[in-house]
Amino acid sequence: MDLPLHQLTMTVLMTPETANFAGNVHGGTLLKLLDQVAYACASRYAGRYVVTLSVDQVVFRQPIHVGELVSFLASVNHTGNSSMEIGVKVVAEDIRKRSVRHVVSCFFTMVAVDEAGRPAKVPALRPSSPDERRRHAAAEVRKSMRREMQQRFEALHAGN
């Protein structure tokens, strides 16, 4: 399966060392895997190292159980000069029941960096399918919301 440069898929078997005290996969384990997938997707697209700037809207919809196959479906949704929004959808598959569930979604903002660690230009994303155009438009809304939240936060602290 040849995915375009702006998409990446990774599947991991959830083993006992990923479990929390309730016997489900620990959220921190998932966050680490999410960051790795977002990094891999963004660096592959940009052709260089990237760093994580922010993580938005991590929603744990359902628990993931030890023994399930977990697939991370990552996509570059939007690009700026050096930044990229990476959307990650996570699905869990119960191998014995042959059932698949959407368990987590989130959005990472990753920044491409040069050898000195400074922001580096990334290729502009050209969404081509209706689904890619929808994700691109939604990413623009999230970017605007992040800016607005930052401005509100700065205004709160300006009074102190």
N, C-alpha and C. Protein backbone atom coordinates (compact mmCIF):
# COMPACT_ATOMS: atom_id res chain seq x y z
N MET A 1 0.86 -1.18 0.00
CA MET A 1 0.00 0.00 0.00
C MET A 1 0.89 1.23 0.00
N ASP A 2 0.80 2.04 -1.04
CA ASP A 2 1.56 3.27 -1.15
C ASP A 2 0.68 4.45 -0.78
N LEU A 3 0.97 5.03 0.38
CA LEU A 3 0.25 6.22 0.81
C LEU A 3 0.97 7.45 0.29
N PRO A 4 0.23 8.52 0.01
CA PRO A 4 0.91 9.76 -0.38
C PRO A 4 1.77 10.28 0.77
N LEU A 5 2.71 11.16 0.46
CA LEU A 5 3.65 11.66 1.46
C LEU A 5 2.97 12.33 2.66
N HIS A 6 1.77 12.85 2.47
CA HIS A 6 1.11 13.57 3.56
C HIS A 6 0.26 12.65 4.46
N GLN A 7 0.34 11.34 4.25
CA GLN A 7 -0.41 10.40 5.08
C GLN A 7 0.51 9.29 5.59
N LEU A 8 0.15 8.75 6.76
CA LEU A 8 0.96 7.69 7.35
C LEU A 8 0.06 6.82 8.22
N THR A 9 0.28 5.53 8.22
CA THR A 9 -0.46 4.61 9.07
C THR A 9 0.51 3.75 9.85
N MET A 10 0.19 3.53 11.12
CA MET A 10 1.02 2.67 11.97
C MET A 10 0.07 1.81 12.80
N THR A 11 0.38 0.53 12.94
CA THR A 11 -0.44 -0.37 13.76
C THR A 11 0.44 -1.00 14.82
N VAL A 12 -0.09 -1.02 16.06
CA VAL A 12 0.65 -1.54 17.21
C VAL A 12 -0.26 -2.49 17.99
N LEU A 13 0.29 -3.61 18.43
CA LEU A 13 -0.43 -4.52 19.31
C LEU A 13 -0.27 -4.02 20.74
N MET A 14 -1.38 -3.87 21.45
CA MET A 14 -1.33 -3.41 22.83
C MET A 14 -1.03 -4.60 23.75
N THR A 15 0.12 -4.57 24.38
CA THR A 15 0.61 -5.66 25.22
C THR A 15 0.44 -5.31 26.70
N PRO A 16 0.62 -6.28 27.60
CA PRO A 16 0.35 -6.03 29.03
C PRO A 16 1.11 -4.86 29.64
N GLU A 17 2.32 -4.55 29.17
CA GLU A 17 3.04 -3.43 29.79
C GLU A 17 2.43 -2.07 29.47
N THR A 18 1.43 -2.02 28.57
CA THR A 18 0.75 -0.75 28.26
C THR A 18 -0.44 -0.50 29.19
N ALA A 19 -0.75 -1.45 30.06
CA ALA A 19 -1.98 -1.37 30.87
C ALA A 19 -1.85 -0.42 32.06
N ASN A 20 -2.98 0.21 32.41
CA ASN A 20 -3.07 0.99 33.63
C ASN A 20 -3.67 0.10 34.73
N PHE A 21 -3.98 0.68 35.88
CA PHE A 21 -4.49 -0.11 37.00
C PHE A 21 -5.87 -0.70 36.73
N ALA A 22 -6.60 -0.14 35.77
CA ALA A 22 -7.91 -0.68 35.42
C ALA A 22 -7.83 -1.79 34.38
N GLY A 23 -6.61 -2.03 33.88
CA GLY A 23 -6.44 -3.09 32.88
C GLY A 23 -6.62 -2.63 31.45
N ASN A 24 -6.85 -1.34 31.25
CA ASN A 24 -6.95 -0.78 29.91
C ASN A 24 -5.61 -0.15 29.55
N VAL A 25 -5.46 0.25 28.29
CA VAL A 25 -4.23 0.89 27.87
C VAL A 25 -4.15 2.28 28.51
N HIS A 26 -3.00 2.57 29.10
CA HIS A 26 -2.76 3.84 29.79
C HIS A 26 -2.79 4.99 28.80
N GLY A 27 -3.47 6.08 29.17
CA GLY A 27 -3.57 7.25 28.30
C GLY A 27 -2.21 7.82 27.93
N GLY A 28 -1.26 7.80 28.87
CA GLY A 28 0.08 8.31 28.59
C GLY A 28 0.80 7.50 27.53
N THR A 29 0.57 6.19 27.53
CA THR A 29 1.14 5.33 26.50
C THR A 29 0.62 5.75 25.13
N LEU A 30 -0.71 6.00 25.09
CA LEU A 30 -1.32 6.43 23.83
C LEU A 30 -0.80 7.78 23.37
N LEU A 31 -0.63 8.73 24.32
CA LEU A 31 -0.12 10.05 23.97
C LEU A 31 1.28 9.97 23.37
N LYS A 32 2.11 9.11 23.95
CA LYS A 32 3.47 8.94 23.41
C LYS A 32 3.42 8.39 21.99
N LEU A 33 2.59 7.38 21.76
CA LEU A 33 2.45 6.82 20.41
C LEU A 33 1.88 7.85 19.44
N LEU A 34 0.91 8.63 19.90
CA LEU A 34 0.33 9.68 19.05
C LEU A 34 1.41 10.67 18.62
N ASP A 35 2.26 11.09 19.56
CA ASP A 35 3.32 12.03 19.24
C ASP A 35 4.31 11.43 18.24
N GLN A 36 4.62 10.15 18.41
CA GLN A 36 5.54 9.48 17.48
C GLN A 36 4.95 9.42 16.08
N VAL A 37 3.66 9.11 15.99
CA VAL A 37 3.00 9.03 14.68
C VAL A 37 2.93 10.40 14.03
N ALA A 38 2.56 11.42 14.81
CA ALA A 38 2.50 12.78 14.27
C ALA A 38 3.89 13.22 13.79
N TYR A 39 4.93 12.90 14.58
CA TYR A 39 6.30 13.22 14.19
C TYR A 39 6.66 12.53 12.87
N ALA A 40 6.38 11.24 12.78
CA ALA A 40 6.73 10.47 11.58
C ALA A 40 6.01 11.03 10.35
N CYS A 41 4.74 11.35 10.50
CA CYS A 41 3.96 11.88 9.38
C CYS A 41 4.50 13.24 8.94
N ALA A 42 4.73 14.13 9.90
CA ALA A 42 5.18 15.49 9.59
C ALA A 42 6.61 15.49 9.03
N SER A 43 7.50 14.71 9.63
CA SER A 43 8.89 14.73 9.15
C SER A 43 9.00 14.08 7.78
N ARG A 44 8.21 13.06 7.54
CA ARG A 44 8.19 12.43 6.21
C ARG A 44 7.73 13.43 5.16
N TYR A 45 6.65 14.18 5.48
CA TYR A 45 6.12 15.16 4.53
C TYR A 45 7.12 16.29 4.29
N ALA A 46 7.70 16.81 5.39
CA ALA A 46 8.60 17.96 5.29
C ALA A 46 9.99 17.59 4.79
N GLY A 47 10.38 16.31 4.96
CA GLY A 47 11.71 15.89 4.56
C GLY A 47 12.78 16.37 5.52
N ARG A 48 12.40 16.60 6.78
CA ARG A 48 13.35 17.08 7.79
C ARG A 48 12.81 16.83 9.18
N TYR A 49 13.64 17.11 10.19
CA TYR A 49 13.20 16.97 11.57
C TYR A 49 12.09 17.96 11.87
N VAL A 50 11.23 17.57 12.81
CA VAL A 50 10.16 18.45 13.26
C VAL A 50 10.10 18.40 14.79
N VAL A 51 9.45 19.40 15.37
CA VAL A 51 9.21 19.42 16.81
C VAL A 51 7.72 19.63 17.04
N THR A 52 7.25 19.16 18.18
CA THR A 52 5.84 19.31 18.54
C THR A 52 5.64 20.69 19.13
N LEU A 53 4.71 21.46 18.57
CA LEU A 53 4.38 22.78 19.10
C LEU A 53 3.17 22.70 20.04
N SER A 54 2.13 21.97 19.60
CA SER A 54 0.94 21.86 20.44
C SER A 54 0.15 20.61 20.08
N VAL A 55 -0.71 20.23 21.01
CA VAL A 55 -1.63 19.12 20.82
C VAL A 55 -3.01 19.62 21.18
N ASP A 56 -3.97 19.43 20.29
CA ASP A 56 -5.33 19.94 20.48
C ASP A 56 -6.35 18.82 20.45
N GLN A 57 -7.36 18.99 21.23
CA GLN A 57 -8.58 18.19 21.16
C GLN A 57 -8.33 16.69 21.24
N VAL A 58 -7.49 16.28 22.18
CA VAL A 58 -7.32 14.84 22.39
C VAL A 58 -8.58 14.34 23.08
N VAL A 59 -9.31 13.49 22.42
CA VAL A 59 -10.56 12.97 22.97
C VAL A 59 -10.46 11.45 23.03
N PHE A 60 -10.43 10.93 24.27
CA PHE A 60 -10.42 9.49 24.47
C PHE A 60 -11.89 9.04 24.49
N ARG A 61 -12.35 8.55 23.35
CA ARG A 61 -13.77 8.22 23.19
C ARG A 61 -14.16 6.92 23.88
N GLN A 62 -13.26 5.94 23.87
CA GLN A 62 -13.52 4.63 24.45
C GLN A 62 -12.20 4.06 24.95
N PRO A 63 -12.25 3.17 25.95
CA PRO A 63 -11.00 2.54 26.40
C PRO A 63 -10.46 1.59 25.34
N ILE A 64 -9.15 1.41 25.39
CA ILE A 64 -8.47 0.44 24.54
C ILE A 64 -8.01 -0.68 25.46
N HIS A 65 -8.20 -1.91 25.03
CA HIS A 65 -7.91 -3.06 25.86
C HIS A 65 -6.61 -3.73 25.43
N VAL A 66 -5.91 -4.28 26.41
CA VAL A 66 -4.72 -5.07 26.13
C VAL A 66 -5.13 -6.21 25.19
N GLY A 67 -4.30 -6.47 24.19
CA GLY A 67 -4.59 -7.52 23.21
C GLY A 67 -5.21 -6.99 21.93
N GLU A 68 -5.61 -5.72 21.93
CA GLU A 68 -6.21 -5.16 20.71
C GLU A 68 -5.11 -4.62 19.79
N LEU A 69 -5.39 -4.66 18.50
CA LEU A 69 -4.54 -4.00 17.51
C LEU A 69 -5.01 -2.56 17.41
N VAL A 70 -4.10 -1.63 17.51
CA VAL A 70 -4.45 -0.22 17.46
C VAL A 70 -3.77 0.40 16.24
N SER A 71 -4.58 1.00 15.37
CA SER A 71 -4.05 1.63 14.16
C SER A 71 -4.18 3.14 14.28
N PHE A 72 -3.08 3.82 13.95
CA PHE A 72 -3.00 5.28 13.98
C PHE A 72 -3.01 5.75 12.53
N LEU A 73 -4.00 6.53 12.16
CA LEU A 73 -4.15 7.03 10.80
C LEU A 73 -3.85 8.53 10.82
N ALA A 74 -2.69 8.91 10.32
CA ALA A 74 -2.24 10.30 10.41
C ALA A 74 -2.26 10.95 9.04
N SER A 75 -2.54 12.25 9.05
CA SER A 75 -2.59 13.00 7.81
C SER A 75 -2.19 14.45 8.05
N VAL A 76 -1.39 15.00 7.14
CA VAL A 76 -1.13 16.44 7.17
C VAL A 76 -2.41 17.09 6.66
N ASN A 77 -3.05 17.90 7.51
CA ASN A 77 -4.30 18.55 7.14
C ASN A 77 -4.10 19.96 6.60
N HIS A 78 -3.01 20.61 7.05
CA HIS A 78 -2.81 22.02 6.73
C HIS A 78 -1.34 22.34 6.90
N THR A 79 -0.83 23.26 6.09
CA THR A 79 0.55 23.72 6.25
C THR A 79 0.59 25.23 6.32
N GLY A 80 1.55 25.73 7.10
CA GLY A 80 1.88 27.15 7.11
C GLY A 80 3.25 27.29 6.47
N ASN A 81 4.03 28.28 6.94
CA ASN A 81 5.39 28.42 6.41
C ASN A 81 6.29 27.28 6.89
N SER A 82 6.27 27.05 8.21
CA SER A 82 7.10 25.99 8.79
C SER A 82 6.28 25.01 9.61
N SER A 83 5.01 25.32 9.81
CA SER A 83 4.16 24.48 10.66
C SER A 83 3.23 23.60 9.82
N MET A 84 2.79 22.54 10.47
CA MET A 84 1.85 21.62 9.84
C MET A 84 0.87 21.15 10.90
N GLU A 85 -0.41 21.04 10.55
CA GLU A 85 -1.35 20.38 11.44
C GLU A 85 -1.45 18.93 10.99
N ILE A 86 -1.25 18.04 11.96
CA ILE A 86 -1.36 16.61 11.70
C ILE A 86 -2.58 16.10 12.45
N GLY A 87 -3.54 15.56 11.74
CA GLY A 87 -4.70 14.93 12.36
C GLY A 87 -4.42 13.46 12.53
N VAL A 88 -4.79 12.92 13.69
CA VAL A 88 -4.58 11.49 13.93
C VAL A 88 -5.89 10.88 14.42
N LYS A 89 -6.34 9.88 13.70
CA LYS A 89 -7.50 9.08 14.10
C LYS A 89 -6.97 7.72 14.54
N VAL A 90 -7.49 7.25 15.68
CA VAL A 90 -7.03 5.97 16.22
C VAL A 90 -8.21 5.01 16.26
N VAL A 91 -7.98 3.82 15.71
CA VAL A 91 -9.01 2.77 15.76
C VAL A 91 -8.42 1.54 16.44
N ALA A 92 -9.25 0.92 17.26
CA ALA A 92 -8.85 -0.31 17.96
C ALA A 92 -9.62 -1.48 17.36
N GLU A 93 -8.91 -2.58 17.18
CA GLU A 93 -9.52 -3.78 16.60
C GLU A 93 -9.42 -4.92 17.60
N ASP A 94 -10.57 -5.44 17.97
CA ASP A 94 -10.61 -6.65 18.79
C ASP A 94 -10.44 -7.81 17.82
N ILE A 95 -9.30 -8.46 17.91
CA ILE A 95 -8.95 -9.50 16.94
C ILE A 95 -9.92 -10.67 16.97
N ARG A 96 -10.32 -11.09 18.17
CA ARG A 96 -11.20 -12.27 18.28
C ARG A 96 -12.62 -11.97 17.81
N LYS A 97 -13.13 -10.79 18.15
CA LYS A 97 -14.50 -10.44 17.75
C LYS A 97 -14.56 -9.85 16.35
N ARG A 98 -13.39 -9.52 15.81
CA ARG A 98 -13.31 -8.88 14.49
C ARG A 98 -14.12 -7.58 14.45
N SER A 99 -14.06 -6.83 15.55
CA SER A 99 -14.76 -5.55 15.61
C SER A 99 -13.74 -4.42 15.65
N VAL A 100 -14.11 -3.30 15.03
CA VAL A 100 -13.24 -2.13 14.96
C VAL A 100 -14.00 -0.93 15.52
N ARG A 101 -13.29 -0.17 16.41
CA ARG A 101 -13.91 1.01 17.03
C ARG A 101 -13.00 2.23 16.87
N HIS A 102 -13.62 3.39 16.64
CA HIS A 102 -12.89 4.66 16.65
C HIS A 102 -12.73 5.06 18.12
N VAL A 103 -11.47 5.13 18.60
CA VAL A 103 -11.25 5.32 20.03
C VAL A 103 -10.65 6.66 20.42
N VAL A 104 -9.87 7.28 19.54
CA VAL A 104 -9.22 8.55 19.87
C VAL A 104 -9.07 9.37 18.60
N SER A 105 -9.18 10.68 18.74
CA SER A 105 -8.82 11.61 17.68
C SER A 105 -8.09 12.79 18.31
N CYS A 106 -7.19 13.40 17.54
CA CYS A 106 -6.51 14.60 18.03
C CYS A 106 -5.79 15.29 16.89
N PHE A 107 -5.25 16.47 17.20
CA PHE A 107 -4.55 17.29 16.21
C PHE A 107 -3.25 17.80 16.82
N PHE A 108 -2.15 17.58 16.11
CA PHE A 108 -0.83 18.06 16.53
C PHE A 108 -0.41 19.19 15.61
N THR A 109 0.20 20.21 16.17
CA THR A 109 0.88 21.21 15.35
C THR A 109 2.37 20.93 15.48
N MET A 110 2.98 20.62 14.35
CA MET A 110 4.40 20.29 14.29
C MET A 110 5.11 21.38 13.49
N VAL A 111 6.35 21.70 13.88
CA VAL A 111 7.14 22.71 13.19
C VAL A 111 8.40 22.07 12.65
N ALA A 112 8.66 22.26 11.37
CA ALA A 112 9.88 21.76 10.75
C ALA A 112 11.04 22.65 11.20
N VAL A 113 12.19 22.01 11.46
CA VAL A 113 13.36 22.77 11.90
C VAL A 113 14.59 22.40 11.05
N ASP A 114 15.48 23.38 10.94
CA ASP A 114 16.74 23.14 10.21
C ASP A 114 17.79 22.57 11.16
N GLU A 115 19.02 22.45 10.67
CA GLU A 115 20.09 21.85 11.46
C GLU A 115 20.41 22.64 12.73
N ALA A 116 20.09 23.95 12.72
CA ALA A 116 20.35 24.81 13.88
C ALA A 116 19.14 24.88 14.81
N GLY A 117 18.08 24.15 14.47
CA GLY A 117 16.89 24.15 15.31
C GLY A 117 15.95 25.32 15.05
N ARG A 118 16.17 26.05 13.97
CA ARG A 118 15.30 27.18 13.61
C ARG A 118 14.18 26.69 12.68
N PRO A 119 13.02 27.35 12.71
CA PRO A 119 11.93 26.96 11.82
C PRO A 119 12.39 26.93 10.36
N ALA A 120 11.93 25.91 9.64
CA ALA A 120 12.30 25.73 8.23
C ALA A 120 11.04 25.59 7.39
N LYS A 121 11.11 26.08 6.18
CA LYS A 121 9.95 26.06 5.27
C LYS A 121 9.53 24.63 4.95
N VAL A 122 8.21 24.44 4.84
CA VAL A 122 7.66 23.14 4.45
C VAL A 122 6.91 23.30 3.13
N PRO A 123 6.79 22.23 2.36
CA PRO A 123 6.02 22.31 1.10
C PRO A 123 4.55 22.63 1.40
N ALA A 124 3.96 23.44 0.56
CA ALA A 124 2.54 23.77 0.71
C ALA A 124 1.70 22.53 0.41
N LEU A 125 0.69 22.31 1.23
CA LEU A 125 -0.22 21.18 1.02
C LEU A 125 -1.27 21.58 0.00
N ARG A 126 -1.51 20.72 -0.94
CA ARG A 126 -2.54 20.94 -1.97
C ARG A 126 -3.62 19.88 -1.81
N PRO A 127 -4.65 20.16 -1.00
CA PRO A 127 -5.70 19.14 -0.82
C PRO A 127 -6.41 18.88 -2.14
N SER A 128 -6.60 17.59 -2.45
CA SER A 128 -7.17 17.27 -3.76
C SER A 128 -8.53 16.59 -3.67
N SER A 129 -8.76 15.78 -2.66
CA SER A 129 -10.05 15.08 -2.56
C SER A 129 -11.03 15.90 -1.72
N PRO A 130 -12.32 15.61 -1.81
CA PRO A 130 -13.29 16.32 -0.97
C PRO A 130 -12.98 16.15 0.53
N ASP A 131 -12.53 14.96 0.94
CA ASP A 131 -12.20 14.72 2.34
C ASP A 131 -10.99 15.56 2.76
N GLU A 132 -9.99 15.66 1.90
CA GLU A 132 -8.82 16.48 2.20
C GLU A 132 -9.18 17.96 2.27
N ARG A 133 -10.07 18.41 1.39
CA ARG A 133 -10.50 19.81 1.43
C ARG A 133 -11.30 20.11 2.70
N ARG A 134 -12.12 19.15 3.14
CA ARG A 134 -12.88 19.31 4.39
C ARG A 134 -11.93 19.40 5.58
N ARG A 135 -10.93 18.51 5.64
CA ARG A 135 -9.96 18.53 6.74
C ARG A 135 -9.13 19.81 6.73
N HIS A 136 -8.79 20.29 5.53
CA HIS A 136 -8.02 21.54 5.39
C HIS A 136 -8.83 22.72 5.92
N ALA A 137 -10.10 22.80 5.55
CA ALA A 137 -10.95 23.90 6.02
C ALA A 137 -11.13 23.84 7.54
N ALA A 138 -11.33 22.65 8.08
CA ALA A 138 -11.48 22.50 9.53
C ALA A 138 -10.18 22.89 10.25
N ALA A 139 -9.04 22.58 9.65
CA ALA A 139 -7.75 22.95 10.24
C ALA A 139 -7.59 24.47 10.27
N GLU A 140 -8.07 25.15 9.25
CA GLU A 140 -8.01 26.62 9.25
C GLU A 140 -8.85 27.19 10.39
N VAL A 141 -10.00 26.60 10.65
CA VAL A 141 -10.85 27.05 11.77
C VAL A 141 -10.13 26.82 13.09
N ARG A 142 -9.53 25.64 13.28
CA ARG A 142 -8.79 25.36 14.51
C ARG A 142 -7.62 26.31 14.70
N LYS A 143 -6.92 26.64 13.61
CA LYS A 143 -5.79 27.57 13.68
C LYS A 143 -6.28 28.94 14.15
N SER A 144 -7.39 29.38 13.60
CA SER A 144 -7.97 30.67 14.00
C SER A 144 -8.39 30.64 15.47
N MET A 145 -8.97 29.54 15.90
CA MET A 145 -9.39 29.40 17.30
C MET A 145 -8.18 29.41 18.24
N ARG A 146 -7.08 28.77 17.84
CA ARG A 146 -5.86 28.78 18.66
C ARG A 146 -5.32 30.19 18.82
N ARG A 147 -5.33 30.94 17.72
CA ARG A 147 -4.86 32.34 17.77
C ARG A 147 -5.74 33.16 18.71
N GLU A 148 -7.05 33.01 18.57
CA GLU A 148 -7.97 33.76 19.42
C GLU A 148 -7.77 33.41 20.89
N MET A 149 -7.60 32.13 21.19
CA MET A 149 -7.38 31.72 22.57
C MET A 149 -6.08 32.30 23.11
N GLN A 150 -5.03 32.31 22.30
CA GLN A 150 -3.76 32.88 22.72
C GLN A 150 -3.90 34.37 23.01
N GLN A 151 -4.64 35.08 22.16
CA GLN A 151 -4.85 36.51 22.38
C GLN A 151 -5.63 36.76 23.67
N ARG A 152 -6.64 35.96 23.92
CA ARG A 152 -7.43 36.11 25.16
C ARG A 152 -6.57 35.83 26.38
N PHE A 153 -5.74 34.80 26.29
CA PHE A 153 -4.86 34.43 27.40
C PHE A 153 -3.87 35.56 27.68
N GLU A 154 -3.29 36.12 26.61
CA GLU A 154 -2.34 37.23 26.77
C GLU A 154 -3.03 38.45 27.36
N ALA A 155 -4.28 38.71 26.97
CA ALA A 155 -5.02 39.86 27.49
C ALA A 155 -5.29 39.68 28.99
N LEU A 156 -5.57 38.46 29.41
CA LEU A 156 -5.78 38.19 30.85
C LEU A 156 -4.53 38.48 31.66
N HIS A 157 -3.38 38.07 31.10
CA HIS A 157 -2.12 38.26 31.83
C HIS A 157 -1.57 39.67 31.72
N ALA A 158 -2.03 40.43 30.73
CA ALA A 158 -1.54 41.81 30.56
C ALA A 158 -2.01 42.68 31.72
N GLY A 159 -3.12 42.31 32.33
CA GLY A 159 -3.67 43.08 33.45
C GLY A 159 -2.95 42.83 34.75
N ASN A 160 -2.11 41.82 34.83
CA ASN A 160 -1.40 41.48 36.09
C ASN A 160 -0.08 42.19 36.21
